[in-house]
């Protein structure tokens, strides 16, 4: 939730029945007036992409948002992701989008950044993105999460009871969320976007819209 200078409230919200069944799924962004009237209600949720976790209002009135996008198991393997880290359902790398709201239900995406375009791996020299991650801090290690997620039935049931994941989610769904971006922020002074990645245990920064 963000209380804007105008007095309006900006929030992430649940969209339609989720096709991406992992923690933090939303698919929808809303804006309410001070009096509680719904001013804007936008959904960005299909079988190819799904909003999740967080948004960030910008000084120009636009909004930054995080979304998953789908890559098949074959695409993940071709990118150099280790086979033991690739569920049969494929993986969900993240993208960042800058949205210009179009009231009451639309939006223009004026800029986007895809994690999939900024990868490196040192697992297989015959696959894409091969190099030394330590020499390229500007890139994301496609195997940086290290080992397959292990979650037992009791923990999965607890997450479902909390409402953190959908009732029909399984372990493979959670493993598809390869980077798990869970917060986004903007530093106006430095013109930098900061993103936290739970699975990579790091903060990421980007300031070049051309990339």
C-alpha atoms as a PDB file:
ATOM      1  CA  UNK A   1       0.000   0.000   0.000  1.00  0.00           C
ATOM      2  CA  UNK A   2       1.206   3.517  -0.814  1.00  0.00           C
ATOM      3  CA  UNK A   3      -0.470   6.748   0.278  1.00  0.00           C
ATOM      4  CA  UNK A   4       0.220   9.159  -2.589  1.00  0.00           C
ATOM      5  CA  UNK A   5       0.748  12.918  -2.307  1.00  0.00           C
ATOM      6  CA  UNK A   6      -2.681  13.371  -3.885  1.00  0.00           C
ATOM      7  CA  UNK A   7      -4.286  11.529  -0.981  1.00  0.00           C
ATOM      8  CA  UNK A   8      -5.112   8.532  -3.176  1.00  0.00           C
ATOM      9  CA  UNK A   9      -4.200   5.023  -2.064  1.00  0.00           C
ATOM     10  CA  UNK A  10      -2.233   2.758  -4.416  1.00  0.00           C
ATOM     11  CA  UNK A  11      -2.231  -0.959  -3.688  1.00  0.00           C
ATOM     12  CA  UNK A  12      -1.386  -4.371  -5.091  1.00  0.00           C
ATOM     13  CA  UNK A  13      -4.377  -6.692  -5.268  1.00  0.00           C
ATOM     14  CA  UNK A  14      -5.407 -10.205  -6.170  1.00  0.00           C
ATOM     15  CA  UNK A  15      -6.403 -10.724  -9.782  1.00  0.00           C
ATOM     16  CA  UNK A  16      -8.168 -13.693 -11.376  1.00  0.00           C
ATOM     17  CA  UNK A  17      -7.528 -17.270 -10.306  1.00  0.00           C
ATOM     18  CA  UNK A  18      -3.722 -17.472 -10.420  1.00  0.00           C
ATOM     19  CA  UNK A  19      -1.949 -19.384 -13.151  1.00  0.00           C
ATOM     20  CA  UNK A  20       1.378 -18.631 -11.427  1.00  0.00           C
ATOM     21  CA  UNK A  21       1.003 -20.411  -8.108  1.00  0.00           C
ATOM     22  CA  UNK A  22       3.724 -19.018  -5.871  1.00  0.00           C
ATOM     23  CA  UNK A  23       4.168 -16.650  -2.959  1.00  0.00           C
ATOM     24  CA  UNK A  24       3.183 -13.031  -3.490  1.00  0.00           C
ATOM     25  CA  UNK A  25       1.102 -13.533  -6.636  1.00  0.00           C
ATOM     26  CA  UNK A  26      -1.278 -10.685  -7.304  1.00  0.00           C
ATOM     27  CA  UNK A  27      -1.886  -9.811 -10.936  1.00  0.00           C
ATOM     28  CA  UNK A  28      -3.667  -6.539 -10.257  1.00  0.00           C
ATOM     29  CA  UNK A  29      -3.077  -2.921  -9.187  1.00  0.00           C
ATOM     30  CA  UNK A  30      -5.732  -0.551  -7.835  1.00  0.00           C
ATOM     31  CA  UNK A  31      -6.005   3.106  -6.833  1.00  0.00           C
ATOM     32  CA  UNK A  32      -8.626   4.471  -4.450  1.00  0.00           C
ATOM     33  CA  UNK A  33      -9.616   8.030  -3.599  1.00  0.00           C
ATOM     34  CA  UNK A  34      -9.396   9.376  -0.046  1.00  0.00           C
ATOM     35  CA  UNK A  35     -13.133   8.698   0.238  1.00  0.00           C
ATOM     36  CA  UNK A  36     -12.716   5.060  -0.803  1.00  0.00           C
ATOM     37  CA  UNK A  37     -13.897   5.283  -4.413  1.00  0.00           C
ATOM     38  CA  UNK A  38     -12.139   2.920  -6.817  1.00  0.00           C
ATOM     39  CA  UNK A  39     -10.417   5.167  -9.393  1.00  0.00           C
ATOM     40  CA  UNK A  40      -8.226   2.696 -11.269  1.00  0.00           C
ATOM     41  CA  UNK A  41      -8.274  -1.099 -11.519  1.00  0.00           C
ATOM     42  CA  UNK A  42      -5.718  -2.684 -13.871  1.00  0.00           C
ATOM     43  CA  UNK A  43      -4.949  -6.375 -14.386  1.00  0.00           C
ATOM     44  CA  UNK A  44      -1.691  -7.672 -15.877  1.00  0.00           C
ATOM     45  CA  UNK A  45      -2.156 -11.424 -15.601  1.00  0.00           C
ATOM     46  CA  UNK A  46      -2.099 -14.060 -18.341  1.00  0.00           C
ATOM     47  CA  UNK A  47      -0.479 -17.452 -18.858  1.00  0.00           C
ATOM     48  CA  UNK A  48       2.637 -15.571 -20.088  1.00  0.00           C
ATOM     49  CA  UNK A  49       3.071 -13.020 -17.272  1.00  0.00           C
ATOM     50  CA  UNK A  50       1.725 -12.151 -13.816  1.00  0.00           C
ATOM     51  CA  UNK A  51       2.245  -9.200 -11.476  1.00  0.00           C
ATOM     52  CA  UNK A  52       3.528 -10.066  -8.019  1.00  0.00           C
ATOM     53  CA  UNK A  53       4.616  -8.651  -4.663  1.00  0.00           C
ATOM     54  CA  UNK A  54       5.275  -4.919  -4.963  1.00  0.00           C
ATOM     55  CA  UNK A  55       4.858  -1.664  -6.878  1.00  0.00           C
ATOM     56  CA  UNK A  56       6.599   1.705  -6.627  1.00  0.00           C
ATOM     57  CA  UNK A  57       5.025   5.084  -7.455  1.00  0.00           C
ATOM     58  CA  UNK A  58       7.354   7.393  -9.428  1.00  0.00           C
ATOM     59  CA  UNK A  59       7.703  11.200  -9.303  1.00  0.00           C
ATOM     60  CA  UNK A  60       6.290  11.487 -12.861  1.00  0.00           C
ATOM     61  CA  UNK A  61       3.047   9.777 -11.833  1.00  0.00           C
ATOM     62  CA  UNK A  62       3.930   6.431 -13.390  1.00  0.00           C
ATOM     63  CA  UNK A  63       4.288   3.183 -11.451  1.00  0.00           C
ATOM     64  CA  UNK A  64       7.005   0.527 -11.380  1.00  0.00           C
ATOM     65  CA  UNK A  65       5.849  -3.062 -10.967  1.00  0.00           C
ATOM     66  CA  UNK A  66       7.344  -6.561 -10.830  1.00  0.00           C
ATOM     67  CA  UNK A  67       5.984  -9.449 -12.884  1.00  0.00           C
ATOM     68  CA  UNK A  68       6.888 -13.034 -13.589  1.00  0.00           C
ATOM     69  CA  UNK A  69       7.138 -14.242 -17.168  1.00  0.00           C
ATOM     70  CA  UNK A  70       7.258 -17.827 -18.402  1.00  0.00           C
ATOM     71  CA  UNK A  71      10.180 -19.727 -19.897  1.00  0.00           C
ATOM     72  CA  UNK A  72       9.952 -23.397 -20.796  1.00  0.00           C
ATOM     73  CA  UNK A  73      12.254 -26.030 -19.365  1.00  0.00           C
ATOM     74  CA  UNK A  74      13.940 -26.197 -22.777  1.00  0.00           C
ATOM     75  CA  UNK A  75      14.553 -22.436 -22.783  1.00  0.00           C
ATOM     76  CA  UNK A  76      15.942 -22.608 -19.246  1.00  0.00           C
ATOM     77  CA  UNK A  77      18.338 -25.414 -20.173  1.00  0.00           C
ATOM     78  CA  UNK A  78      19.483 -23.516 -23.285  1.00  0.00           C
ATOM     79  CA  UNK A  79      20.214 -20.479 -21.097  1.00  0.00           C
ATOM     80  CA  UNK A  80      22.617 -22.577 -19.008  1.00  0.00           C
ATOM     81  CA  UNK A  81      20.400 -23.256 -16.016  1.00  0.00           C
ATOM     82  CA  UNK A  82      21.369 -26.504 -14.302  1.00  0.00           C
ATOM     83  CA  UNK A  83      18.927 -29.338 -15.063  1.00  0.00           C
ATOM     84  CA  UNK A  84      18.402 -30.056 -11.357  1.00  0.00           C
ATOM     85  CA  UNK A  85      17.119 -26.473 -10.956  1.00  0.00           C
ATOM     86  CA  UNK A  86      14.582 -26.710 -13.780  1.00  0.00           C
ATOM     87  CA  UNK A  87      11.085 -28.010 -12.961  1.00  0.00           C
ATOM     88  CA  UNK A  88       9.120 -29.684 -15.729  1.00  0.00           C
ATOM     89  CA  UNK A  89       6.806 -26.649 -15.747  1.00  0.00           C
ATOM     90  CA  UNK A  90       9.727 -24.378 -16.620  1.00  0.00           C
ATOM     91  CA  UNK A  91      10.872 -21.252 -14.790  1.00  0.00           C
ATOM     92  CA  UNK A  92       9.547 -17.773 -14.099  1.00  0.00           C
ATOM     93  CA  UNK A  93      12.201 -15.070 -14.412  1.00  0.00           C
ATOM     94  CA  UNK A  94      11.127 -11.570 -13.451  1.00  0.00           C
ATOM     95  CA  UNK A  95      10.581  -8.415 -15.432  1.00  0.00           C
ATOM     96  CA  UNK A  96      10.151  -4.806 -14.352  1.00  0.00           C
ATOM     97  CA  UNK A  97       7.624  -2.593 -16.075  1.00  0.00           C
ATOM     98  CA  UNK A  98       6.934   1.127 -15.862  1.00  0.00           C
ATOM     99  CA  UNK A  99       3.220   1.789 -16.183  1.00  0.00           C
ATOM    100  CA  UNK A 100       1.386   4.962 -17.131  1.00  0.00           C
ATOM    101  CA  UNK A 101      -2.133   4.523 -15.672  1.00  0.00           C
ATOM    102  CA  UNK A 102      -5.049   5.072 -18.041  1.00  0.00           C
ATOM    103  CA  UNK A 103      -8.134   5.544 -15.893  1.00  0.00           C
ATOM    104  CA  UNK A 104     -10.306   3.677 -15.101  1.00  0.00           C
ATOM    105  CA  UNK A 105      -9.008   0.258 -16.242  1.00  0.00           C
ATOM    106  CA  UNK A 106      -6.074   0.641 -18.637  1.00  0.00           C
ATOM    107  CA  UNK A 107      -2.343   1.323 -18.659  1.00  0.00           C
ATOM    108  CA  UNK A 108       0.471   2.031 -21.092  1.00  0.00           C
ATOM    109  CA  UNK A 109       3.692   0.129 -20.505  1.00  0.00           C
ATOM    110  CA  UNK A 110       6.280   2.791 -21.314  1.00  0.00           C
ATOM    111  CA  UNK A 111       9.435   0.855 -20.362  1.00  0.00           C
ATOM    112  CA  UNK A 112      10.363  -2.684 -19.413  1.00  0.00           C
ATOM    113  CA  UNK A 113      13.422  -4.598 -18.249  1.00  0.00           C
ATOM    114  CA  UNK A 114      13.753  -8.387 -18.425  1.00  0.00           C
ATOM    115  CA  UNK A 115      16.029 -10.383 -16.148  1.00  0.00           C
ATOM    116  CA  UNK A 116      16.250 -12.983 -18.926  1.00  0.00           C
ATOM    117  CA  UNK A 117      18.259 -10.503 -21.034  1.00  0.00           C
ATOM    118  CA  UNK A 118      20.941 -10.094 -18.323  1.00  0.00           C
ATOM    119  CA  UNK A 119      22.121 -13.623 -17.462  1.00  0.00           C
ATOM    120  CA  UNK A 120      25.470 -15.350 -17.001  1.00  0.00           C
ATOM    121  CA  UNK A 121      26.434 -18.902 -16.049  1.00  0.00           C
ATOM    122  CA  UNK A 122      29.624 -20.929 -15.563  1.00  0.00           C
ATOM    123  CA  UNK A 123      27.971 -24.357 -15.614  1.00  0.00           C
ATOM    124  CA  UNK A 124      28.094 -25.336 -19.303  1.00  0.00           C
ATOM    125  CA  UNK A 125      30.387 -23.695 -21.884  1.00  0.00           C
ATOM    126  CA  UNK A 126      28.218 -25.084 -24.688  1.00  0.00           C
ATOM    127  CA  UNK A 127      25.128 -23.216 -23.489  1.00  0.00           C
ATOM    128  CA  UNK A 128      24.163 -19.561 -23.790  1.00  0.00           C
ATOM    129  CA  UNK A 129      25.415 -16.890 -21.353  1.00  0.00           C
ATOM    130  CA  UNK A 130      28.678 -18.669 -20.494  1.00  0.00           C
ATOM    131  CA  UNK A 131      31.237 -16.668 -18.515  1.00  0.00           C
ATOM    132  CA  UNK A 132      32.568 -15.995 -15.022  1.00  0.00           C
ATOM    133  CA  UNK A 133      29.852 -14.473 -12.831  1.00  0.00           C
ATOM    134  CA  UNK A 134      32.431 -12.875 -10.528  1.00  0.00           C
ATOM    135  CA  UNK A 135      33.742 -10.838 -13.453  1.00  0.00           C
ATOM    136  CA  UNK A 136      30.288  -9.580 -14.449  1.00  0.00           C
ATOM    137  CA  UNK A 137      28.462  -7.986 -11.506  1.00  0.00           C
ATOM    138  CA  UNK A 138      26.119  -6.339 -14.025  1.00  0.00           C
ATOM    139  CA  UNK A 139      24.660  -9.773 -14.898  1.00  0.00           C
ATOM    140  CA  UNK A 140      22.539 -12.301 -12.988  1.00  0.00           C
ATOM    141  CA  UNK A 141      23.878 -15.788 -12.346  1.00  0.00           C
ATOM    142  CA  UNK A 142      21.174 -18.041 -13.778  1.00  0.00           C
ATOM    143  CA  UNK A 143      22.222 -20.689 -11.227  1.00  0.00           C
ATOM    144  CA  UNK A 144      22.731 -18.232  -8.394  1.00  0.00           C
ATOM    145  CA  UNK A 145      20.085 -19.795  -6.162  1.00  0.00           C
ATOM    146  CA  UNK A 146      22.518 -22.680  -5.710  1.00  0.00           C
ATOM    147  CA  UNK A 147      20.416 -25.741  -4.964  1.00  0.00           C
ATOM    148  CA  UNK A 148      16.895 -26.988  -5.599  1.00  0.00           C
ATOM    149  CA  UNK A 149      14.250 -25.728  -3.205  1.00  0.00           C
ATOM    150  CA  UNK A 150      13.174 -28.367  -0.718  1.00  0.00           C
ATOM    151  CA  UNK A 151       9.848 -27.877   1.003  1.00  0.00           C
ATOM    152  CA  UNK A 152       8.010 -30.580   2.890  1.00  0.00           C
ATOM    153  CA  UNK A 153       4.262 -31.141   2.928  1.00  0.00           C
ATOM    154  CA  UNK A 154       3.870 -29.589   6.395  1.00  0.00           C
ATOM    155  CA  UNK A 155       5.571 -26.339   5.385  1.00  0.00           C
ATOM    156  CA  UNK A 156       3.612 -26.154   2.143  1.00  0.00           C
ATOM    157  CA  UNK A 157       0.369 -26.642   4.095  1.00  0.00           C
ATOM    158  CA  UNK A 158       1.391 -23.845   6.484  1.00  0.00           C
ATOM    159  CA  UNK A 159       2.035 -21.445   3.583  1.00  0.00           C
ATOM    160  CA  UNK A 160      -1.374 -22.287   2.117  1.00  0.00           C
ATOM    161  CA  UNK A 161      -3.086 -21.732   5.475  1.00  0.00           C
ATOM    162  CA  UNK A 162      -1.468 -18.288   5.694  1.00  0.00           C
ATOM    163  CA  UNK A 163      -2.750 -17.450   2.228  1.00  0.00           C
ATOM    164  CA  UNK A 164       0.820 -16.951   1.018  1.00  0.00           C
ATOM    165  CA  UNK A 165       0.436 -19.456  -1.832  1.00  0.00           C
ATOM    166  CA  UNK A 166      -2.737 -20.671  -3.602  1.00  0.00           C
ATOM    167  CA  UNK A 167      -4.444 -23.765  -2.266  1.00  0.00           C
ATOM    168  CA  UNK A 168      -3.498 -25.825  -5.334  1.00  0.00           C
ATOM    169  CA  UNK A 169       0.198 -24.826  -5.412  1.00  0.00           C
ATOM    170  CA  UNK A 170       2.803 -27.564  -5.282  1.00  0.00           C
ATOM    171  CA  UNK A 171       6.549 -27.682  -4.670  1.00  0.00           C
ATOM    172  CA  UNK A 172       7.306 -27.466  -8.378  1.00  0.00           C
ATOM    173  CA  UNK A 173       5.382 -24.180  -8.611  1.00  0.00           C
ATOM    174  CA  UNK A 174       7.546 -22.668  -5.889  1.00  0.00           C
ATOM    175  CA  UNK A 175      10.721 -23.925  -7.589  1.00  0.00           C
ATOM    176  CA  UNK A 176       9.712 -22.204 -10.837  1.00  0.00           C
ATOM    177  CA  UNK A 177      10.045 -18.816  -9.103  1.00  0.00           C
ATOM    178  CA  UNK A 178      13.779 -18.754  -9.797  1.00  0.00           C
ATOM    179  CA  UNK A 179      14.811 -15.282  -8.527  1.00  0.00           C
ATOM    180  CA  UNK A 180      11.837 -14.292  -6.350  1.00  0.00           C
ATOM    181  CA  UNK A 181      11.971 -10.516  -6.551  1.00  0.00           C
ATOM    182  CA  UNK A 182       9.884  -9.320  -3.627  1.00  0.00           C
ATOM    183  CA  UNK A 183      10.361  -5.541  -3.392  1.00  0.00           C
ATOM    184  CA  UNK A 184      11.094  -2.627  -5.713  1.00  0.00           C
ATOM    185  CA  UNK A 185      12.129   0.938  -4.919  1.00  0.00           C
ATOM    186  CA  UNK A 186      13.285   4.036  -6.804  1.00  0.00           C
ATOM    187  CA  UNK A 187      16.069   6.458  -5.855  1.00  0.00           C
ATOM    188  CA  UNK A 188      15.235   9.737  -7.578  1.00  0.00           C
ATOM    189  CA  UNK A 189      18.572  11.368  -6.714  1.00  0.00           C
ATOM    190  CA  UNK A 190      20.602   8.595  -8.359  1.00  0.00           C
ATOM    191  CA  UNK A 191      17.923   7.653 -10.922  1.00  0.00           C
ATOM    192  CA  UNK A 192      18.269   4.025  -9.849  1.00  0.00           C
ATOM    193  CA  UNK A 193      15.775   1.215  -9.436  1.00  0.00           C
ATOM    194  CA  UNK A 194      16.509  -1.194  -6.584  1.00  0.00           C
ATOM    195  CA  UNK A 195      15.069  -4.717  -6.475  1.00  0.00           C
ATOM    196  CA  UNK A 196      15.485  -7.310  -3.753  1.00  0.00           C
ATOM    197  CA  UNK A 197      15.934 -10.933  -4.820  1.00  0.00           C
ATOM    198  CA  UNK A 198      15.176 -13.437  -2.080  1.00  0.00           C
ATOM    199  CA  UNK A 199      16.680 -16.452  -3.834  1.00  0.00           C
ATOM    200  CA  UNK A 200      19.850 -14.610  -4.880  1.00  0.00           C
ATOM    201  CA  UNK A 201      20.213 -13.009  -1.433  1.00  0.00           C
ATOM    202  CA  UNK A 202      20.997  -9.623  -2.939  1.00  0.00           C
ATOM    203  CA  UNK A 203      19.851  -6.178  -3.977  1.00  0.00           C
ATOM    204  CA  UNK A 204      19.980  -5.304  -7.679  1.00  0.00           C
ATOM    205  CA  UNK A 205      20.241  -1.834  -9.199  1.00  0.00           C
ATOM    206  CA  UNK A 206      19.519  -0.590 -12.690  1.00  0.00           C
ATOM    207  CA  UNK A 207      19.482   2.930 -14.094  1.00  0.00           C
ATOM    208  CA  UNK A 208      19.861   2.423 -17.855  1.00  0.00           C
ATOM    209  CA  UNK A 209      16.450   2.292 -19.529  1.00  0.00           C
ATOM    210  CA  UNK A 210      18.150   1.360 -22.802  1.00  0.00           C
ATOM    211  CA  UNK A 211      18.971  -2.023 -21.258  1.00  0.00           C
END
